[in-house]
Protein backbone atom coordinates (compact mmCIF):
# COMPACT_ATOMS: atom_id res chain seq x y z
CA MET A 1 -124.78 -109.51 -19.74
CA ARG A 2 -126.91 -109.35 -22.85
CA GLN A 3 -130.08 -109.42 -20.68
CA CYS A 4 -128.82 -106.50 -18.63
CA LYS A 5 -128.06 -104.44 -21.78
CA LYS A 6 -131.54 -105.14 -23.03
CA ARG A 7 -133.08 -103.89 -19.72
CA TYR A 8 -130.83 -100.84 -19.89
CA ILE A 9 -131.90 -99.99 -23.42
CA LEU A 10 -135.65 -100.71 -22.50
CA SER A 11 -135.34 -98.39 -19.46
CA LEU A 12 -133.94 -95.74 -21.65
CA LEU A 13 -136.78 -95.90 -23.97
CA VAL A 14 -139.27 -95.76 -21.30
CA LEU A 15 -137.61 -92.56 -19.66
CA SER A 16 -137.33 -91.06 -23.26
CA VAL A 17 -140.90 -91.46 -23.93
CA PHE A 18 -141.84 -90.11 -20.44
CA PHE A 19 -139.85 -87.02 -20.93
CA CYS A 20 -141.16 -86.36 -24.37
CA ILE A 21 -144.66 -86.56 -23.03
CA ASN A 22 -143.66 -84.42 -19.91
CA ALA A 23 -142.32 -81.88 -22.16
CA GLN A 24 -145.63 -81.28 -23.91
CA ASP A 25 -147.66 -78.36 -22.87
CA GLU A 26 -150.85 -79.10 -20.90
CA PRO A 27 -154.26 -78.50 -22.47
CA PRO A 28 -155.53 -74.92 -21.76
CA VAL A 29 -158.44 -76.36 -19.87
CA MET A 30 -156.23 -77.36 -17.08
CA ASN A 31 -155.41 -73.76 -16.11
CA LYS A 32 -159.20 -73.16 -15.81
CA VAL A 33 -159.64 -76.24 -13.66
CA ARG A 34 -156.82 -75.26 -11.22
CA GLN A 35 -158.16 -71.76 -10.87
CA ARG A 36 -161.62 -73.10 -10.17
CA TYR A 37 -160.42 -75.87 -7.73
CA SER A 38 -157.89 -73.68 -5.81
CA ALA A 39 -157.30 -74.26 -1.99
CA ASP A 40 -158.74 -71.03 -0.93
CA LYS A 41 -162.18 -71.92 -2.27
CA THR A 42 -164.90 -73.94 -0.94
CA LEU A 43 -166.28 -77.03 -2.77
CA GLN A 44 -169.60 -78.71 -2.43
CA THR A 45 -170.46 -81.79 -4.60
CA ALA A 46 -172.50 -84.88 -4.62
CA PHE A 47 -170.83 -87.91 -6.12
CA GLU A 48 -171.24 -91.57 -7.10
CA LEU A 49 -168.32 -93.83 -6.50
CA THR A 50 -167.99 -97.06 -8.42
CA ILE A 51 -165.26 -99.62 -7.67
CA TYR A 52 -164.54 -102.45 -9.88
CA TRP A 53 -162.25 -104.95 -8.09
CA LYS A 54 -160.48 -106.91 -10.84
CA ILE A 55 -159.57 -110.24 -9.17
CA ARG A 56 -162.88 -110.70 -7.67
CA GLU A 57 -164.66 -109.35 -10.99
CA LYS A 58 -166.92 -107.49 -8.63
CA GLU A 59 -168.38 -104.14 -8.79
CA GLU A 60 -169.19 -101.83 -5.85
CA LYS A 61 -171.27 -98.80 -5.92
CA LYS A 62 -171.75 -95.99 -3.31
CA ARG A 63 -173.10 -92.43 -3.13
CA GLY A 64 -171.85 -89.42 -1.13
CA HIS A 65 -171.54 -85.77 -0.53
CA LEU A 66 -168.22 -83.82 -0.07
CA PHE A 67 -167.81 -80.38 1.41
CA LEU A 68 -164.39 -78.63 1.49
CA ALA A 69 -163.31 -75.38 2.96
CA PRO A 70 -159.94 -73.58 3.65
CA GLY A 71 -158.17 -74.41 6.76
CA ASP A 72 -158.56 -78.24 6.41
CA LYS A 73 -162.25 -78.30 7.03
CA PHE A 74 -164.37 -81.05 5.41
CA ARG A 75 -167.23 -83.08 5.69
CA VAL A 76 -167.61 -86.65 3.66
CA GLU A 77 -170.82 -88.69 3.62
CA LEU A 78 -170.16 -91.87 1.82
CA GLY A 79 -172.59 -94.83 2.22
CA ASN A 80 -172.81 -95.69 5.88
CA ALA A 81 -169.83 -93.59 6.87
CA VAL A 82 -169.13 -90.00 7.60
CA TRP A 83 -165.90 -88.13 8.09
CA VAL A 84 -165.99 -84.52 9.61
CA CYS A 85 -163.03 -82.25 10.37
CA ASP A 86 -163.07 -78.60 11.83
CA GLY A 87 -159.29 -78.01 10.87
CA ARG A 88 -158.08 -79.60 14.14
CA THR A 89 -160.37 -82.46 15.27
CA TRP A 90 -161.33 -85.34 13.08
CA TRP A 91 -164.27 -87.58 13.59
CA GLN A 92 -165.29 -90.75 11.72
CA TYR A 93 -168.68 -92.33 12.31
CA SER A 94 -170.01 -95.68 11.07
CA LYS A 95 -173.65 -95.88 10.96
CA HIS A 96 -173.36 -99.70 10.56
CA THR A 97 -171.17 -100.23 13.66
CA GLY A 98 -172.64 -97.18 15.66
CA GLN A 99 -169.03 -96.10 16.47
CA VAL A 100 -167.43 -92.58 16.57
CA ILE A 101 -163.53 -92.46 16.45
CA ILE A 102 -162.02 -89.10 17.36
CA LYS A 103 -158.54 -88.04 16.63
CA TYR A 104 -156.48 -84.89 16.12
CA LEU A 105 -156.23 -84.12 12.47
CA LEU A 106 -152.47 -84.19 12.42
CA ASP A 107 -152.53 -87.99 13.53
CA VAL A 108 -154.64 -88.99 10.51
CA ASP A 109 -153.33 -90.10 7.12
CA LEU A 110 -155.43 -88.58 4.39
CA SER A 111 -153.32 -89.38 1.51
CA HIS A 112 -156.00 -91.59 -0.05
CA HIS A 113 -159.00 -90.02 1.40
CA PRO A 114 -161.80 -88.55 -0.93
CA THR A 115 -160.98 -85.15 0.53
CA ARG A 116 -157.57 -85.29 -0.81
CA ILE A 117 -158.00 -87.01 -4.13
CA LEU A 118 -158.75 -84.14 -6.36
CA ALA A 119 -156.23 -81.65 -4.84
CA ALA A 120 -153.41 -84.27 -5.01
CA HIS A 121 -153.84 -85.03 -8.68
CA LEU A 122 -154.50 -81.44 -9.72
CA ASN A 123 -151.36 -80.00 -7.73
CA GLU A 124 -148.85 -82.79 -8.14
CA ARG A 125 -149.54 -84.00 -11.83
CA LYS A 126 -149.09 -82.77 -15.38
CA PHE A 127 -151.97 -83.74 -17.61
CA VAL A 128 -151.99 -84.56 -21.40
CA LEU A 129 -154.94 -84.29 -23.80
CA LYS A 130 -156.56 -87.63 -24.46
CA GLN A 131 -159.92 -86.66 -26.29
CA GLU A 132 -161.61 -83.51 -26.88
CA ASN A 133 -165.39 -83.71 -27.52
CA ASP A 134 -168.43 -81.64 -26.56
CA PRO A 135 -169.08 -81.20 -23.69
CA TYR A 136 -166.14 -83.05 -22.05
CA THR A 137 -162.47 -82.68 -22.62
CA VAL A 138 -160.55 -85.89 -21.42
CA VAL A 139 -157.01 -85.67 -20.02
CA ASP A 140 -154.74 -88.27 -18.63
CA ALA A 141 -152.10 -87.68 -15.96
CA VAL A 142 -148.58 -88.18 -17.06
CA ILE A 143 -147.41 -91.16 -14.73
CA ASP A 144 -143.73 -92.35 -14.05
CA PRO A 145 -144.23 -96.12 -13.00
CA SER A 146 -140.84 -95.92 -11.22
CA ASN A 147 -141.90 -93.03 -8.96
CA GLU A 148 -145.62 -93.61 -8.40
CA LYS A 149 -146.41 -93.48 -4.65
CA SER A 150 -150.15 -93.88 -5.18
CA HIS A 151 -149.50 -97.02 -7.22
CA ALA A 152 -151.87 -95.69 -9.94
CA SER A 153 -151.34 -96.87 -13.55
CA THR A 154 -153.99 -94.55 -15.05
CA ILE A 155 -155.51 -91.28 -13.88
CA ARG A 156 -158.09 -89.76 -16.06
CA LEU A 157 -160.42 -86.59 -15.83
CA TRP A 158 -163.40 -85.82 -17.64
CA ILE A 159 -163.76 -81.82 -17.69
CA ASP A 160 -166.48 -79.55 -18.89
CA GLY A 161 -164.44 -77.60 -21.41
CA LYS A 162 -166.53 -74.39 -20.75
CA SER A 163 -166.78 -74.20 -17.12
CA GLY A 164 -163.69 -75.99 -16.13
CA ILE A 165 -165.76 -78.28 -13.70
CA ILE A 166 -164.59 -81.78 -13.37
CA HIS A 167 -167.44 -84.34 -14.23
CA LYS A 168 -165.67 -87.47 -13.64
CA LEU A 169 -162.32 -89.05 -12.16
CA MET A 170 -161.16 -92.45 -13.02
CA VAL A 171 -158.05 -94.00 -11.10
CA VAL A 172 -156.75 -97.46 -12.10
CA ASP A 173 -154.37 -98.95 -9.68
CA ASP A 174 -151.35 -101.22 -10.49
CA LYS A 175 -153.60 -104.21 -9.75
CA GLY A 176 -156.18 -103.27 -12.34
CA ASN A 177 -158.83 -102.13 -9.78
CA THR A 178 -160.77 -98.94 -10.97
CA SER A 179 -162.32 -96.29 -8.90
CA THR A 180 -164.59 -93.98 -10.71
CA TYR A 181 -166.03 -90.77 -9.19
CA THR A 182 -168.75 -89.15 -11.09
CA PHE A 183 -169.57 -85.53 -9.72
CA LYS A 184 -172.98 -83.90 -9.71
CA LYS A 185 -173.97 -80.46 -8.67
CA THR A 186 -170.67 -79.04 -8.06
CA ARG A 187 -170.53 -75.65 -6.46
CA LEU A 188 -167.43 -73.67 -5.94
CA GLY A 189 -166.70 -70.58 -3.90
CA GLU A 190 -170.08 -70.62 -2.16
CA GLN A 191 -170.22 -70.05 1.59
CA ILE A 192 -170.63 -73.28 3.68
CA PRO A 193 -172.10 -73.06 7.18
CA GLU A 194 -169.59 -73.68 9.92
CA GLU A 195 -171.94 -76.48 11.62
CA MET A 196 -171.09 -78.60 8.58
CA PHE A 197 -167.67 -79.03 9.96
CA GLN A 198 -168.81 -79.95 13.40
CA PHE A 199 -170.01 -83.50 14.38
CA GLU A 200 -172.75 -84.19 16.85
CA ILE A 201 -172.32 -87.54 18.31
CA PRO A 202 -175.41 -89.70 18.45
CA ASP A 203 -176.58 -90.48 22.09
CA ASP A 204 -176.28 -94.31 21.43
CA ALA A 205 -172.91 -94.19 19.72
CA LYS A 206 -169.81 -95.98 21.01
CA VAL A 207 -166.90 -93.33 21.38
CA LEU A 208 -163.31 -94.14 20.88
CA ASP A 209 -161.55 -90.92 21.77
CA MET A 210 -157.91 -91.37 20.51
CA ARG A 211 -156.77 -87.87 21.74
CA GLU A 212 -156.40 -89.01 25.26
């Protein structure tokens, strides 16, 4: 009985801390960020992805490019993998295996995909100020561990305070693995050629068309 009471009191303390944080106003820079990264604008950026696997104590690094346009159009090039979507059809190509997988976009789970990671965090979360230095403002997402679908324990953004451009995104999951995206040469609102969202299948590729 005494243990249950202690757990109840601890739960109340955790909830009270969470709601106090959640009641705070967000840093003003977040308004600028959300305007810059709105869903009706295009996004082009190069990025470096560093993943630290805690249990294996191993670090993995990849480089890539990301192109986003309204209407669920995107292109992601990451290491030996390429994902392309024209808003309806989704292609995944591995240079390593030489295989192309084709699906309808509606059949693809993009919840943890690089194309969704920024939008999901910006639109669904509230942020609090962690540190404010020139040139970057650092903010942390307010996370409720009891209602965390993405299993993240920390989500942190480094933002250029003047431009509202995101320089870096760090996500730590509940197992202690850390994924860090560092963005470079980010361009917002510029026209992207439509051919970027079409995939030309290599002649020697093995094709698995899952639309049939």
